[in-house]
Amino acid sequence: MTDRQTAEPDSSAVRVALWRALHVQLDAPPHVLDDELGLRLADPADGWRDRGDMHPQGTSWFRASIVARARYIEDVIAEQAAEHGVGQYVILGAGLDTFAQRRPELASRLTVFEVDQPRPQAWKRERLERLGFGVPDWLRLVPFDFEAGGSWWDALADAGFDPSRPAVVASTGVALYLTKDANAATLRQLASLAPGSTLVMSFQVPLDMLDEAQRPGIQAAVEGAKASGTPFLSFFAPDEILAMAREAGFRDARHVSAEMLNARYFAGRTDGLGTSTGEELLVATT
């Protein structure tokens, strides 16, 4: 039985894990991402599939977006490791990410740094131990309170991150909760990564740029986040986020749109499954 006395993961991290599991349980193969380990980590109460935010049809865009962004990042990691020898992978706001447990054949050839809030991360460490995965030497859990000041960059260094060597950095579901100034500061810090490094960051596009059919669902998510005390603070048009990345010092920056993700991972499906136009990706290289 899970110890509920320690701080549990953020509700959005749990939701992401459950959507990833729903993709396997509800959607027909081929699956973009095969991840039910997050469900085991989250250990939700019975009846979790009856939650309103787990509605099979009403949330299909969201779960498709979640698995597409995760798969894209893991494809980038595999490519960078195989073709360029990149050996460091940093996950900012890791939540219940399960890359290290699902893909040990790749992850064990890297040093994987998961940066997250201290108490939820301690909860995750306990769950990993309880489920028999443990925390191998190549997986570094880096506790950092993003709201308390200080430097996550220093916390990474203390955990063994080598800024002189290239890395892949993933930041998904984070930018929308930060102010634009905070996002700009994060981009400037990441642009100082060693040459050959890659950042994959998700961002939320403005509501007026959304597909009209999807706008009500995204609007409901925005209102729900505000009501829960974790409002969406930043929305970026693609041209704006690309300009910010280049101004921060990245050598190159490109936009990976929802349409591109759909073409890459959902083409030829007969069930209409595809990603939301609300969240898209910035890929920037040093």
Protein backbone atom coordinates (compact mmCIF):
# COMPACT_ATOMS: atom_id res chain seq x y z
CA MET A 1 0.00 0.00 0.00
CA THR A 2 1.31 3.45 -0.92
CA ASP A 3 2.34 5.74 1.93
CA ARG A 4 -0.01 8.71 1.52
CA GLN A 5 1.64 10.62 4.38
CA THR A 6 4.47 11.82 2.17
CA ALA A 7 3.70 14.48 -0.42
CA GLU A 8 2.04 12.95 -3.42
CA PRO A 9 2.89 13.98 -6.99
CA ASP A 10 1.25 17.04 -8.48
CA SER A 11 -2.24 16.37 -9.83
CA SER A 12 -1.13 17.32 -13.35
CA ALA A 13 1.72 14.76 -13.15
CA VAL A 14 -0.77 12.07 -12.14
CA ARG A 15 -3.13 13.08 -14.95
CA VAL A 16 -0.32 12.77 -17.50
CA ALA A 17 0.57 9.30 -16.21
CA LEU A 18 -3.06 8.17 -16.37
CA TRP A 19 -3.54 9.53 -19.91
CA ARG A 20 -0.44 7.65 -21.03
CA ALA A 21 -1.92 4.45 -19.58
CA LEU A 22 -5.30 5.16 -21.16
CA HIS A 23 -3.64 5.36 -24.55
CA VAL A 24 -2.57 1.74 -24.13
CA GLN A 25 -5.84 0.59 -22.59
CA LEU A 26 -8.33 2.39 -24.84
CA ASP A 27 -6.70 3.22 -28.17
CA ALA A 28 -6.09 0.61 -30.84
CA PRO A 29 -2.51 -0.35 -31.70
CA PRO A 30 -0.04 0.65 -32.89
CA HIS A 31 0.54 2.65 -29.72
CA VAL A 32 2.70 5.75 -29.94
CA LEU A 33 4.01 5.10 -26.44
CA ASP A 34 3.57 1.94 -24.38
CA ASP A 35 3.49 3.21 -20.81
CA GLU A 36 1.46 1.69 -18.02
CA LEU A 37 4.30 1.98 -15.52
CA GLY A 38 3.23 5.54 -14.68
CA LEU A 39 -0.14 4.11 -13.69
CA ARG A 40 1.61 1.71 -11.31
CA LEU A 41 3.61 4.57 -9.85
CA ALA A 42 0.56 6.81 -9.41
CA ASP A 43 -1.41 4.00 -7.75
CA PRO A 44 -4.78 5.77 -8.15
CA ALA A 45 -7.90 4.76 -6.26
CA ASP A 46 -10.27 2.27 -7.82
CA GLY A 47 -12.56 3.87 -10.38
CA TRP A 48 -9.95 6.28 -11.71
CA ARG A 49 -11.13 5.68 -15.27
CA ASP A 50 -14.52 7.14 -14.30
CA ARG A 51 -13.00 10.54 -13.54
CA GLY A 52 -14.26 13.38 -15.72
CA ASP A 53 -10.76 14.13 -16.97
CA MET A 54 -10.41 10.52 -18.17
CA HIS A 55 -13.43 10.58 -20.50
CA PRO A 56 -12.52 8.28 -23.44
CA GLN A 57 -13.66 10.68 -26.18
CA GLY A 58 -13.58 14.06 -24.48
CA THR A 59 -9.90 13.79 -23.60
CA SER A 60 -8.58 11.94 -26.65
CA TRP A 61 -6.78 15.05 -28.01
CA PHE A 62 -5.04 15.55 -24.69
CA ARG A 63 -3.80 11.99 -24.25
CA ALA A 64 -2.66 11.92 -27.88
CA SER A 65 -0.66 15.11 -27.30
CA ILE A 66 0.88 13.69 -24.15
CA VAL A 67 2.08 10.46 -25.77
CA ALA A 68 3.22 12.24 -28.95
CA ARG A 69 5.43 14.72 -27.12
CA ALA A 70 6.93 11.94 -24.97
CA ARG A 71 7.62 9.73 -27.98
CA TYR A 72 9.17 12.62 -29.90
CA ILE A 73 11.56 13.39 -27.05
CA GLU A 74 12.57 9.76 -26.70
CA ASP A 75 13.20 9.59 -30.45
CA VAL A 76 15.46 12.64 -30.10
CA ILE A 77 17.35 11.02 -27.22
CA ALA A 78 17.87 7.79 -29.14
CA GLU A 79 19.10 9.69 -32.21
CA GLN A 80 21.43 11.99 -30.29
CA ALA A 81 22.92 9.10 -28.31
CA ALA A 82 23.43 6.85 -31.34
CA GLU A 83 24.58 9.41 -33.89
CA HIS A 84 26.35 12.02 -31.76
CA GLY A 85 27.35 10.21 -28.58
CA VAL A 86 25.32 12.46 -26.30
CA GLY A 87 25.42 10.91 -22.84
CA GLN A 88 23.37 13.21 -20.60
CA TYR A 89 19.58 13.59 -20.45
CA VAL A 90 17.88 16.16 -18.19
CA ILE A 91 14.15 16.15 -17.48
CA LEU A 92 12.92 19.40 -15.94
CA GLY A 93 9.73 18.91 -13.94
CA ALA A 94 10.02 15.13 -14.31
CA GLY A 95 6.87 14.19 -12.42
CA LEU A 96 6.03 10.52 -13.03
CA ASP A 97 8.19 10.13 -16.13
CA THR A 98 9.10 6.47 -16.68
CA PHE A 99 11.73 6.60 -19.43
CA ALA A 100 14.41 5.15 -17.14
CA GLN A 101 12.22 2.21 -16.15
CA ARG A 102 10.69 1.49 -19.59
CA ARG A 103 13.82 1.82 -21.67
CA PRO A 104 16.75 0.71 -19.51
CA GLU A 105 18.69 -0.52 -22.56
CA LEU A 106 18.99 3.11 -23.70
CA ALA A 107 18.77 4.94 -20.38
CA SER A 108 21.56 2.90 -18.79
CA ARG A 109 23.97 4.18 -21.46
CA LEU A 110 23.22 7.73 -20.33
CA THR A 111 23.23 9.70 -17.12
CA VAL A 112 19.58 10.67 -16.60
CA PHE A 113 18.81 13.64 -14.36
CA GLU A 114 15.23 14.07 -13.16
CA VAL A 115 14.67 17.52 -11.64
CA ASP A 116 11.51 17.96 -9.58
CA GLN A 117 10.07 19.33 -6.35
CA PRO A 118 11.67 17.65 -3.30
CA ARG A 119 8.64 16.11 -1.57
CA PRO A 120 6.92 14.62 -4.64
CA GLN A 121 10.28 13.35 -5.80
CA ALA A 122 10.86 11.66 -2.43
CA TRP A 123 7.45 10.05 -2.89
CA LYS A 124 8.47 8.82 -6.34
CA ARG A 125 11.75 7.42 -5.02
CA GLU A 126 9.80 5.45 -2.41
CA ARG A 127 7.43 4.11 -5.06
CA LEU A 128 10.33 3.07 -7.31
CA GLU A 129 11.88 1.18 -4.42
CA ARG A 130 8.57 -0.39 -3.44
CA LEU A 131 7.89 -1.58 -6.99
CA GLY A 132 11.36 -3.11 -7.30
CA PHE A 133 12.88 -0.68 -9.81
CA GLY A 134 15.15 1.12 -7.38
CA VAL A 135 17.31 4.07 -8.40
CA PRO A 136 20.42 2.89 -10.29
CA ASP A 137 23.62 4.93 -10.32
CA TRP A 138 22.91 6.31 -13.80
CA LEU A 139 19.56 7.77 -12.67
CA ARG A 140 19.99 10.95 -10.62
CA LEU A 141 16.92 12.29 -8.81
CA VAL A 142 17.61 15.98 -8.34
CA PRO A 143 15.31 17.63 -5.76
CA PHE A 144 14.78 21.32 -6.35
CA ASP A 145 12.06 23.71 -5.18
CA PHE A 146 11.40 25.94 -8.18
CA GLU A 147 9.36 28.33 -6.04
CA ALA A 148 11.96 28.87 -3.30
CA GLY A 149 14.65 30.59 -5.35
CA GLY A 150 18.13 29.25 -5.76
CA SER A 151 19.55 27.68 -8.89
CA TRP A 152 18.38 24.44 -10.49
CA TRP A 153 21.53 24.69 -12.59
CA ASP A 154 23.66 24.43 -9.43
CA ALA A 155 21.50 21.54 -8.20
CA LEU A 156 22.19 19.71 -11.47
CA ALA A 157 25.92 20.29 -11.12
CA ASP A 158 25.83 18.99 -7.54
CA ALA A 159 24.17 15.82 -8.89
CA GLY A 160 27.02 15.25 -11.34
CA PHE A 161 25.85 17.05 -14.47
CA ASP A 162 28.81 18.06 -16.63
CA PRO A 163 28.09 21.38 -18.40
CA SER A 164 31.10 20.87 -20.67
CA ARG A 165 29.46 17.83 -22.31
CA PRO A 166 26.41 17.97 -24.59
CA ALA A 167 23.00 16.95 -23.29
CA VAL A 168 19.39 16.57 -24.28
CA VAL A 169 17.05 18.58 -22.05
CA ALA A 170 13.30 18.03 -21.97
CA SER A 171 10.87 20.52 -20.49
CA THR A 172 7.24 19.58 -21.07
CA GLY A 173 4.20 21.00 -19.34
CA VAL A 174 6.38 23.56 -17.55
CA ALA A 175 6.53 26.72 -19.68
CA LEU A 176 2.82 27.46 -19.39
CA TYR A 177 3.10 27.74 -15.59
CA LEU A 178 5.99 30.23 -15.76
CA THR A 179 5.89 33.93 -16.60
CA LYS A 180 7.34 34.99 -19.93
CA ASP A 181 10.29 36.57 -18.10
CA ALA A 182 10.95 33.31 -16.26
CA ASN A 183 10.77 31.38 -19.54
CA ALA A 184 13.22 33.80 -21.14
CA ALA A 185 15.62 33.36 -18.21
CA THR A 186 15.36 29.57 -18.50
CA LEU A 187 16.12 29.73 -22.22
CA ARG A 188 19.18 31.90 -21.59
CA GLN A 189 20.47 29.41 -19.03
CA LEU A 190 19.89 26.44 -21.34
CA ALA A 191 21.51 28.23 -24.28
CA SER A 192 24.77 28.03 -22.33
CA LEU A 193 24.75 24.23 -22.63
CA ALA A 194 27.74 22.68 -24.39
CA PRO A 195 27.69 22.80 -28.20
CA GLY A 196 25.74 19.89 -29.62
CA SER A 197 23.04 20.03 -26.94
CA THR A 198 19.33 19.90 -27.72
CA LEU A 199 16.35 21.36 -25.85
CA VAL A 200 12.83 20.07 -26.47
CA MET A 201 10.29 22.31 -24.74
CA SER A 202 6.52 22.29 -24.99
CA PHE A 203 4.58 25.54 -25.08
CA GLN A 204 0.94 26.56 -25.10
CA VAL A 205 -0.33 28.53 -28.09
CA PRO A 206 -2.82 31.39 -27.63
CA LEU A 207 -6.47 30.40 -27.56
CA ASP A 208 -7.26 32.41 -30.70
CA MET A 209 -4.77 30.29 -32.66
CA LEU A 210 -6.43 26.99 -31.77
CA ASP A 211 -8.47 24.79 -34.03
CA GLU A 212 -12.04 26.00 -33.48
CA ALA A 213 -13.34 22.52 -32.66
CA GLN A 214 -10.71 22.10 -29.93
CA ARG A 215 -10.96 25.57 -28.43
CA PRO A 216 -13.71 24.79 -25.87
CA GLY A 217 -11.74 21.86 -24.44
CA ILE A 218 -8.57 23.92 -24.07
CA GLN A 219 -10.56 26.81 -22.59
CA ALA A 220 -12.00 24.42 -20.01
CA ALA A 221 -8.47 23.27 -19.14
CA VAL A 222 -7.35 26.89 -18.72
CA GLU A 223 -10.27 27.64 -16.42
CA GLY A 224 -9.73 24.44 -14.45
CA ALA A 225 -6.06 25.27 -13.91
CA LYS A 226 -6.97 28.74 -12.66
CA ALA A 227 -9.60 27.37 -10.29
CA SER A 228 -7.11 24.86 -8.85
CA GLY A 229 -4.60 27.60 -8.06
CA THR A 230 -2.12 26.71 -10.82
CA PRO A 231 -3.07 29.11 -13.63
CA PHE A 232 -1.55 29.05 -17.09
CA LEU A 233 0.69 32.12 -17.17
CA SER A 234 2.31 32.04 -20.61
CA PHE A 235 1.04 31.47 -24.12
CA PHE A 236 3.34 31.76 -27.13
CA ALA A 237 2.77 32.07 -30.84
CA PRO A 238 5.35 29.85 -32.59
CA ASP A 239 7.21 32.83 -34.08
CA GLU A 240 7.46 34.40 -30.63
CA ILE A 241 8.98 31.36 -28.93
CA LEU A 242 11.42 30.85 -31.82
CA ALA A 243 12.55 34.48 -31.54
CA MET A 244 13.01 34.11 -27.78
CA ALA A 245 15.16 31.00 -28.23
CA ARG A 246 17.38 32.68 -30.80
CA GLU A 247 17.70 35.83 -28.69
CA ALA A 248 18.65 33.64 -25.73
CA GLY A 249 21.64 32.37 -27.70
CA PHE A 250 20.61 29.08 -29.28
CA ARG A 251 22.35 28.38 -32.57
CA ASP A 252 19.17 27.06 -34.16
CA ALA A 253 15.49 26.83 -33.21
CA ARG A 254 12.56 25.20 -34.95
CA HIS A 255 8.88 24.66 -34.32
CA VAL A 256 7.39 21.16 -34.28
CA SER A 257 3.68 21.67 -34.83
CA ALA A 258 0.73 19.50 -33.89
CA GLU A 259 0.28 18.79 -37.60
CA MET A 260 3.84 17.52 -37.83
CA LEU A 261 3.36 15.27 -34.80
CA ASN A 262 0.12 13.95 -36.27
CA ALA A 263 1.82 13.15 -39.56
CA ARG A 264 4.68 11.42 -37.77
CA TYR A 265 2.76 9.34 -35.24
CA PHE A 266 -0.94 9.15 -36.14
CA ALA A 267 -1.04 8.93 -39.93
CA GLY A 268 -3.25 6.20 -41.34
CA ARG A 269 -5.28 5.63 -38.18
CA THR A 270 -8.95 4.87 -38.68
CA ASP A 271 -10.08 6.05 -35.24
CA GLY A 272 -9.29 9.72 -35.79
CA LEU A 273 -6.86 9.88 -32.87
CA GLY A 274 -4.60 12.91 -33.11
CA THR A 275 -3.01 15.62 -31.04
CA SER A 276 -4.47 18.85 -29.74
CA THR A 277 -3.41 22.09 -31.40
CA GLY A 278 -3.02 23.64 -27.95
CA GLU A 279 0.47 22.42 -27.08
CA GLU A 280 3.37 22.35 -29.53
CA LEU A 281 7.13 21.94 -29.34
CA LEU A 282 10.22 24.10 -29.55
CA VAL A 283 13.39 22.25 -30.54
CA ALA A 284 16.51 24.36 -30.02
CA THR A 285 20.16 23.42 -30.40
CA THR A 286 23.40 24.96 -29.20
